[in-house]
Protein backbone atom coordinates (compact mmCIF):
# COMPACT_ATOMS: atom_id res chain seq x y z
CA MET A 1 -46.31 -25.72 60.80
CA ILE A 2 -45.66 -24.61 57.09
CA ASP A 3 -41.98 -24.87 56.11
CA TYR A 4 -41.83 -22.13 53.47
CA ARG A 5 -38.14 -22.66 52.91
CA LYS A 6 -38.72 -26.35 51.89
CA ILE A 7 -41.49 -25.24 49.51
CA GLU A 8 -39.15 -22.61 48.02
CA GLU A 9 -36.39 -25.13 47.60
CA GLU A 10 -38.64 -27.54 45.98
CA PHE A 11 -40.00 -24.84 43.53
CA LEU A 12 -36.41 -23.65 42.74
CA LEU A 13 -35.46 -27.20 41.85
CA ALA A 14 -38.37 -27.50 39.54
CA CYS A 15 -37.40 -24.29 37.82
CA ALA A 16 -33.82 -25.39 37.44
CA GLU A 17 -34.90 -28.65 35.91
CA ARG A 18 -36.90 -26.66 33.25
CA GLY A 19 -33.92 -24.36 32.49
CA LEU A 20 -35.14 -21.28 34.40
CA ILE A 21 -32.61 -19.25 36.41
CA VAL A 22 -34.26 -17.65 39.43
CA GLN A 23 -31.92 -15.32 41.39
CA GLY A 24 -32.57 -15.15 45.18
CA ARG A 25 -35.84 -16.19 46.73
CA PRO A 26 -38.79 -16.71 44.33
CA LYS A 27 -41.94 -14.42 44.67
CA PHE A 28 -44.99 -16.36 45.73
CA ASP A 29 -47.49 -13.56 45.22
CA GLY A 30 -49.55 -14.88 42.23
CA THR A 31 -47.98 -12.37 39.88
CA TRP A 32 -45.92 -13.32 36.67
CA GLN A 33 -42.17 -13.05 37.24
CA ARG A 34 -39.90 -12.90 34.19
CA VAL A 35 -36.48 -14.56 34.55
CA GLN A 36 -33.62 -15.64 32.39
CA VAL A 37 -33.29 -19.34 31.10
CA GLN A 38 -30.25 -21.16 30.17
CA GLY A 39 -28.76 -19.75 26.87
CA ASP A 40 -30.47 -16.38 27.30
CA LYS A 41 -28.39 -13.29 26.33
CA PRO A 42 -27.75 -10.69 29.29
CA SER A 43 -30.80 -8.65 28.16
CA GLN A 44 -33.16 -11.63 27.61
CA THR A 45 -35.78 -13.05 29.98
CA SER A 46 -37.12 -16.02 28.15
CA GLY A 47 -38.53 -17.62 31.27
CA ALA A 48 -41.71 -16.91 33.51
CA TYR A 49 -43.31 -18.27 36.53
CA ARG A 50 -46.08 -17.56 38.97
CA VAL A 51 -47.04 -19.24 42.19
CA PHE A 52 -50.18 -19.06 44.38
CA LEU A 53 -50.36 -19.70 48.17
CA ASP A 54 -54.08 -19.34 48.71
CA GLY A 55 -54.37 -23.12 48.99
CA LEU A 56 -52.08 -26.01 48.17
CA PRO A 57 -49.04 -24.20 46.82
CA ALA A 58 -49.08 -24.49 43.05
CA GLY A 59 -48.17 -22.44 39.98
CA SER A 60 -46.90 -22.48 36.37
CA ILE A 61 -43.35 -22.48 34.89
CA PHE A 62 -42.73 -21.31 31.30
CA ASN A 63 -39.64 -21.69 29.20
CA HIS A 64 -40.45 -19.64 26.04
CA LYS A 65 -37.04 -20.56 24.49
CA LYS A 66 -37.86 -24.27 24.47
CA GLY A 67 -41.63 -23.68 24.15
CA THR A 68 -42.49 -25.58 27.30
CA GLN A 69 -45.22 -24.96 29.81
CA ASP A 70 -45.52 -27.00 33.04
CA THR A 71 -47.76 -26.85 36.00
CA TRP A 72 -46.03 -27.21 39.44
CA VAL A 73 -47.72 -28.38 42.70
CA THR A 74 -45.83 -28.82 45.92
CA GLY A 75 -45.10 -32.32 47.23
CA GLN A 76 -45.06 -31.23 50.87
CA ASN A 77 -47.55 -32.58 53.15
CA ILE A 78 -49.70 -29.69 54.41
CA SER A 79 -52.51 -30.01 56.99
CA ASN A 80 -55.98 -28.45 56.76
CA ASP A 81 -55.06 -26.09 59.48
CA ASP A 82 -52.03 -24.97 57.44
CA LEU A 83 -54.14 -24.64 54.34
CA LYS A 84 -56.48 -22.29 56.21
CA THR A 85 -53.40 -20.26 57.23
CA LEU A 86 -52.17 -20.16 53.76
CA ARG A 87 -55.44 -18.81 52.47
CA GLU A 88 -55.75 -16.17 55.16
CA ASP A 89 -52.20 -14.99 54.66
CA ALA A 90 -52.75 -14.97 50.83
CA GLU A 91 -55.82 -12.86 51.11
CA LYS A 92 -54.08 -10.32 53.41
CA ASN A 93 -51.09 -10.22 51.04
CA LYS A 94 -53.41 -9.69 48.09
CA ASN A 95 -55.20 -6.75 49.79
CA ASP A 96 -51.82 -5.32 50.92
CA ARG A 97 -50.43 -5.58 47.43
CA ALA A 98 -53.52 -3.98 45.77
CA GLN A 99 -53.23 -1.06 48.19
CA ARG A 100 -49.48 -0.70 47.48
CA ILE A 101 -50.07 -0.83 43.73
CA LYS A 102 -52.86 1.86 43.89
CA GLN A 103 -50.56 4.18 45.89
CA GLN A 104 -47.68 3.67 43.44
CA GLN A 105 -50.03 4.39 40.45
CA GLU A 106 -51.30 7.59 42.06
CA THR A 107 -47.78 8.70 42.69
CA VAL A 108 -46.78 7.99 39.06
CA ALA A 109 -49.91 9.74 37.71
CA LEU A 110 -48.67 13.04 39.26
CA ILE A 111 -45.40 12.65 37.49
CA ALA A 112 -47.18 11.81 34.13
CA GLN A 113 -49.65 14.73 34.56
CA HIS A 114 -46.59 17.01 35.06
CA VAL A 115 -44.81 15.79 31.93
CA VAL A 116 -47.93 15.83 29.74
CA LYS A 117 -48.78 19.30 30.87
CA ASN A 118 -45.19 20.75 30.27
CA SER A 119 -44.21 18.92 27.07
CA PRO A 120 -44.55 20.61 23.61
CA PRO A 121 -46.18 19.03 20.63
CA ALA A 122 -44.03 16.59 18.62
CA PHE A 123 -42.74 17.26 15.13
CA ASP A 124 -43.97 15.54 11.95
CA ASN A 125 -40.36 14.89 10.89
CA HIS A 126 -39.69 12.75 14.03
CA GLY A 127 -37.92 9.52 12.70
CA TYR A 128 -40.80 7.29 14.05
CA CYS A 129 -43.41 9.31 12.27
CA ARG A 130 -41.56 9.24 8.95
CA THR A 131 -41.17 5.47 9.20
CA LYS A 132 -44.78 4.88 10.02
CA GLN A 133 -46.00 7.56 7.53
CA ILE A 134 -48.12 9.53 10.00
CA ASN A 135 -48.30 13.03 11.32
CA ALA A 136 -47.34 13.68 15.00
CA GLU A 137 -50.56 15.45 15.98
CA GLY A 138 -51.70 14.24 19.41
CA LEU A 139 -48.10 13.27 20.41
CA LEU A 140 -45.73 15.29 22.67
CA ARG A 141 -41.91 15.26 22.80
CA VAL A 142 -39.42 15.11 25.76
CA THR A 143 -37.45 18.27 26.38
CA PRO A 144 -35.04 19.19 29.26
CA ALA A 145 -37.79 21.69 30.45
CA ILE A 146 -39.81 18.86 32.10
CA ALA A 147 -36.82 17.91 34.38
CA ASN A 148 -37.36 18.33 38.29
CA ASN A 149 -36.22 16.49 41.39
CA GLN A 150 -38.19 13.37 40.22
CA ILE A 151 -37.48 13.45 36.45
CA LEU A 152 -34.15 13.48 34.60
CA VAL A 153 -33.66 13.90 30.84
CA GLY A 154 -30.78 12.40 28.94
CA LYS A 155 -29.61 13.91 25.68
CA ASN A 156 -29.44 10.42 24.09
CA PHE A 157 -30.04 6.74 24.88
CA GLN A 158 -26.51 6.22 26.28
CA GLU A 159 -26.77 9.18 28.67
CA SER A 160 -30.24 8.01 29.78
CA LYS A 161 -28.94 4.49 30.48
CA SER A 162 -26.13 5.96 32.69
CA LEU A 163 -28.58 8.23 34.49
CA ARG A 164 -30.77 5.26 35.33
CA GLU A 165 -27.93 3.33 36.74
CA GLN A 166 -26.98 6.26 38.85
CA ASN A 167 -30.50 7.23 39.89
CA PRO A 168 -32.58 4.00 40.21
CA THR A 169 -35.42 5.68 42.04
CA LYS A 170 -36.00 8.52 39.45
CA VAL A 171 -37.82 8.66 36.23
CA VAL A 172 -35.27 8.99 33.36
CA LEU A 173 -36.48 10.08 29.79
CA THR A 174 -34.67 10.78 26.66
CA GLU A 175 -34.76 14.03 24.87
CA ASN A 176 -36.89 14.14 21.66
CA ASP A 177 -38.57 10.83 22.40
CA LEU A 178 -42.28 10.90 21.56
CA ILE A 179 -44.82 10.84 24.35
CA MET A 180 -48.13 9.21 24.07
CA PRO A 181 -50.45 10.06 27.07
CA LEU A 182 -52.55 7.35 28.67
CA GLN A 183 -55.83 8.30 30.31
CA ASP A 184 -58.91 6.64 31.75
CA VAL A 185 -62.54 6.97 30.59
CA ASN A 186 -62.79 10.07 32.73
CA ASP A 187 -59.88 11.76 30.95
CA LYS A 188 -57.49 11.49 34.04
CA ILE A 189 -53.89 11.07 32.87
CA TRP A 190 -52.22 7.98 34.63
CA SER A 191 -49.15 7.38 32.54
CA PHE A 192 -47.59 7.62 29.23
CA GLN A 193 -45.61 5.57 26.63
CA THR A 194 -42.43 6.95 25.20
CA ILE A 195 -41.29 6.10 21.54
CA SER A 196 -37.83 6.68 20.26
CA ALA A 197 -36.94 7.48 16.64
CA TYR A 198 -36.13 3.82 16.08
CA GLY A 199 -39.43 2.67 17.54
CA PHE A 200 -38.31 1.54 20.95
CA LYS A 201 -41.20 1.88 23.33
CA SER A 202 -41.31 1.98 27.02
CA TYR A 203 -43.68 2.88 29.89
CA LEU A 204 -43.44 4.59 33.32
CA LYS A 205 -42.50 1.99 35.96
CA TYR A 206 -45.42 1.32 38.24
CA GLY A 207 -47.70 3.37 35.98
CA LYS A 208 -51.20 2.33 35.44
CA LYS A 209 -51.87 0.69 32.05
CA VAL A 210 -54.90 -1.57 32.34
CA GLU A 211 -58.15 0.40 31.47
CA CYS A 212 -56.10 3.22 30.01
CA PHE A 213 -55.72 4.48 26.36
CA ASN A 214 -55.13 7.33 24.12
CA LYS A 215 -57.48 9.25 21.99
CA ILE A 216 -57.20 10.54 18.47
CA GLY A 217 -60.02 12.89 17.76
CA GLU A 218 -63.23 13.34 19.84
CA LEU A 219 -65.54 10.36 20.69
CA VAL A 220 -69.28 11.18 20.50
CA ASN A 221 -72.00 8.85 21.42
CA GLY A 222 -73.84 7.59 18.32
CA GLU A 223 -70.85 8.25 16.08
CA PRO A 224 -68.60 5.33 14.93
CA PHE A 225 -64.93 5.14 16.08
CA LEU A 226 -61.97 2.66 15.81
CA LEU A 227 -60.30 0.80 18.60
CA GLY A 228 -57.00 -1.04 18.28
CA GLU A 229 -53.39 -1.65 19.20
CA GLY A 230 -50.60 1.00 18.89
CA PHE A 231 -50.61 4.66 18.22
CA ALA A 232 -49.18 4.38 14.69
CA THR A 233 -51.70 1.95 13.49
CA MET A 234 -54.61 3.89 14.93
CA LYS A 235 -53.24 7.28 13.71
CA TYR A 236 -52.84 5.80 10.08
CA LEU A 237 -56.38 4.46 10.16
CA SER A 238 -57.80 7.71 11.60
CA GLU A 239 -56.05 9.73 8.91
CA THR A 240 -57.34 7.31 6.20
CA THR A 241 -60.92 6.96 7.44
CA LYS A 242 -61.37 10.33 8.93
CA LEU A 243 -62.81 8.61 12.07
CA PRO A 244 -61.69 9.07 15.60
CA ALA A 245 -59.55 6.18 17.06
CA VAL A 246 -58.53 4.83 20.29
CA PRO A 247 -55.07 3.30 20.65
CA VAL A 248 -54.30 0.87 23.41
CA CYS A 249 -50.92 -0.38 24.45
CA ASP A 250 -51.25 -4.16 24.25
CA SER A 251 -53.61 -6.95 23.12
CA GLY A 252 -54.51 -7.88 26.68
CA ASN A 253 -55.86 -4.36 27.38
CA LEU A 254 -57.97 -4.36 24.12
CA PRO A 255 -61.07 -6.21 25.45
CA VAL A 256 -60.91 -4.33 28.78
CA VAL A 257 -61.02 -0.93 27.11
CA ALA A 258 -63.62 -2.12 24.64
CA ALA A 259 -66.03 -2.98 27.40
CA ILE A 260 -65.43 0.34 29.13
CA LEU A 261 -66.00 2.34 26.05
CA ARG A 262 -69.16 0.43 25.20
CA GLN A 263 -70.68 1.63 28.54
CA LYS A 264 -69.56 5.19 27.84
CA TYR A 265 -70.73 5.27 24.20
CA PRO A 266 -73.63 2.67 23.97
CA ASP A 267 -74.94 3.96 20.68
CA SER A 268 -71.71 4.15 18.76
CA LYS A 269 -70.46 1.55 16.22
CA MET A 270 -67.13 0.26 17.41
CA TYR A 271 -64.65 -1.14 14.86
CA ILE A 272 -61.99 -3.36 16.45
CA THR A 273 -58.89 -2.97 14.13
CA GLY A 274 -57.29 -6.17 15.31
CA ASP A 275 -53.66 -7.12 14.35
CA ASN A 276 -53.32 -10.15 12.15
CA ASP A 277 -50.34 -12.06 13.64
CA TRP A 278 -50.47 -14.59 10.85
CA GLU A 279 -46.79 -15.23 10.79
CA GLN A 280 -46.91 -16.19 14.49
CA ALA A 281 -49.83 -18.47 13.86
CA LEU A 282 -47.87 -20.25 11.02
CA ALA A 283 -44.93 -20.65 13.46
CA ASP A 284 -47.19 -22.24 16.00
CA THR A 285 -47.46 -25.62 14.35
CA VAL A 286 -49.60 -27.13 17.20
CA HIS A 287 -52.28 -24.61 17.87
CA HIS A 288 -51.87 -22.02 15.06
CA LYS A 289 -52.84 -19.27 17.55
CA ASN A 290 -53.12 -15.79 16.21
CA PRO A 291 -52.85 -13.49 19.34
CA GLY A 292 -54.02 -10.32 17.61
CA LEU A 293 -57.14 -11.94 16.20
CA VAL A 294 -57.91 -13.67 19.52
CA ALA A 295 -57.66 -10.27 21.33
CA ALA A 296 -59.86 -8.62 18.72
CA GLN A 297 -62.51 -11.26 19.06
CA LYS A 298 -62.71 -10.79 22.74
CA ALA A 299 -62.89 -7.14 22.35
CA ALA A 300 -65.74 -7.49 19.78
CA GLU A 301 -67.51 -9.85 22.09
CA ALA A 302 -67.22 -7.47 25.01
CA SER A 303 -68.46 -4.52 23.13
CA SER A 304 -70.72 -5.74 20.35
CA GLY A 305 -68.07 -4.41 18.00
CA TYR A 306 -67.09 -5.30 14.48
CA ILE A 307 -63.63 -6.66 13.49
CA LEU A 308 -61.58 -5.14 10.82
CA SER A 309 -58.27 -7.09 10.21
CA PRO A 310 -55.70 -6.57 7.47
CA GLN A 311 -54.87 -9.45 5.11
CA PHE A 312 -51.33 -9.98 3.69
CA PRO A 313 -50.08 -11.89 0.75
CA VAL A 314 -48.24 -15.15 1.47
CA ASP A 315 -44.86 -13.71 0.47
CA ALA A 316 -45.16 -10.75 3.04
CA LYS A 317 -42.61 -10.47 5.84
CA LYS A 318 -42.64 -9.08 9.32
CA CYS A 319 -46.14 -7.37 9.07
CA SER A 320 -49.19 -7.75 11.15
CA ASP A 321 -51.23 -4.44 11.45
CA TRP A 322 -52.96 -1.91 9.21
CA ASN A 323 -50.02 0.44 9.34
CA ASP A 324 -47.70 -2.30 8.07
CA LEU A 325 -50.16 -2.89 5.15
CA GLY A 326 -50.15 0.84 4.41
CA VAL A 327 -46.47 1.30 4.48
CA LEU A 328 -45.73 -1.92 2.54
CA TYR A 329 -48.57 -1.86 0.03
CA GLY A 330 -50.06 1.73 -0.03
CA VAL A 331 -53.08 3.57 1.20
CA THR A 332 -55.21 2.35 -1.65
CA GLU A 333 -54.78 -1.25 -0.60
CA VAL A 334 -55.68 -0.28 2.93
CA LYS A 335 -58.84 1.42 1.65
CA ASN A 336 -59.73 -1.46 -0.60
CA GLN A 337 -59.62 -3.91 2.29
CA LEU A 338 -61.52 -1.68 4.66
CA ARG A 339 -64.18 -0.99 2.13
CA THR A 340 -64.48 -4.79 1.41
CA GLN A 341 -64.78 -5.62 5.07
CA LEU A 342 -67.24 -2.86 5.83
CA TYR A 343 -69.48 -3.93 2.98
CA ALA A 344 -69.42 -7.45 4.38
CA ILE A 345 -70.40 -6.23 7.73
CA LYS A 346 -73.17 -4.17 6.44
CA GLU A 347 -74.57 -7.06 4.32
CA LYS A 348 -74.40 -9.31 7.39
CA LEU A 349 -76.35 -6.77 9.42
CA GLU A 350 -78.98 -6.26 6.73
CA ASN A 351 -79.43 -10.06 6.45
CA HIS A 352 -79.80 -10.26 10.24
CA VAL A 353 -82.46 -7.59 10.19
CA ASP A 354 -84.39 -9.31 7.38
CA GLN A 355 -84.36 -12.53 9.40
CA ILE A 356 -85.69 -10.67 12.47
CA LYS A 357 -88.54 -9.10 10.34
CA THR A 358 -89.35 -12.49 8.81
CA THR A 359 -89.55 -14.07 12.35
CA VAL A 360 -91.61 -11.13 13.65
CA ASN A 361 -94.02 -11.32 10.71
CA ARG A 362 -94.57 -14.95 11.23
CA MET A 363 -95.39 -14.38 14.90
CA GLY A 364 -97.78 -11.66 13.77
CA ASN A 365 -99.55 -14.03 11.41
CA SER A 366 -99.95 -16.70 14.13
CA HIS A 367 -101.46 -14.33 16.64
CA GLU A 368 -104.33 -12.40 15.10
CA ASN A 369 -104.95 -10.32 18.18
CA THR A 370 -101.34 -9.31 18.35
CA SER A 371 -100.08 -6.26 16.58
CA ILE A 372 -96.32 -6.31 15.84
CA GLN A 373 -94.66 -3.15 14.10
CA THR A 374 -91.60 -4.63 12.35
CA ASN A 375 -90.31 -1.18 11.52
CA ASN A 376 -89.50 -0.62 15.10
CA VAL A 377 -86.83 -3.35 15.13
CA LYS A 378 -83.40 -1.66 15.16
CA MET A 379 -79.96 -3.08 15.35
CA LYS A 380 -77.58 -1.84 18.06
CA GLY A 381 -74.06 -1.44 16.81
């Protein structure tokens, strides 16, 4: 018989040895759990773990403060019959969890739809818009008018914090925060992101985020559009290029949304405006991983899209996206870099078409009875 307590104790000991502080019983449901590590401030959670029970109990333990990543596998002796039981229980728990998440997301969607429907447009002079040098078109703002038995609105951050502590089951928003609606490809509102005047961003708890995005302008099949991270970046680029844009909320969602939009708009050129996390890549002395460019590459592969990524001088500080480039170095620099990269894409495509025509002509010459029309060769972008 499986002794779950011993497995939990073994895992907690492994976490403690790596500096993680896990309060109470660990969650063995295959999802990432953020926890504190030794030396963290009260608001920090620099540790993470997840454990799977659909076979021999195993998982991963991260201490981001130390930069360590370890794999954990139980040392308990588990019989084949017990392994079968673990797999069956894990599958049932997985299905139950998926159903519970779906129900939570549907409940949150109703709240989000109420907020979006009853919130007025934001003002251009909002602190965040001024800092990012964008207009507020497409954004909404939080007002007391949206309050009901499920939603509370604080006058400022401090009051909202107090309301959350007193009402843990309710949605608490802060007056005058910006609202960026999040929808799916069928235009259903599922959730939203709020943005304070100082740039603090948050989401509705249990709200659906994967596969969801915002739209700036109208997307039309056959017409080009931009896709990238963050409202400010995409708004700035949309205003600069006069192209519609699609902001997503994080890099992990970028390839997912790219694939969905490719199906919806098969004939449109899609430009992936990836973040350039060059400072993070420099700090990673081992792998030099650039998360923004990695996500952009995955999105481009999932959608046959083209990457447009900002370049920064070596003395730049705390910058990674196109909006940073515009704010720090001006819209002319943004236009120059976009123009250079777009010309490079165009030249690459033309060379590719020329190569195809050459190959097709050679095939035509080698088969006298075969008629091939090279002018029918088209590139799909």
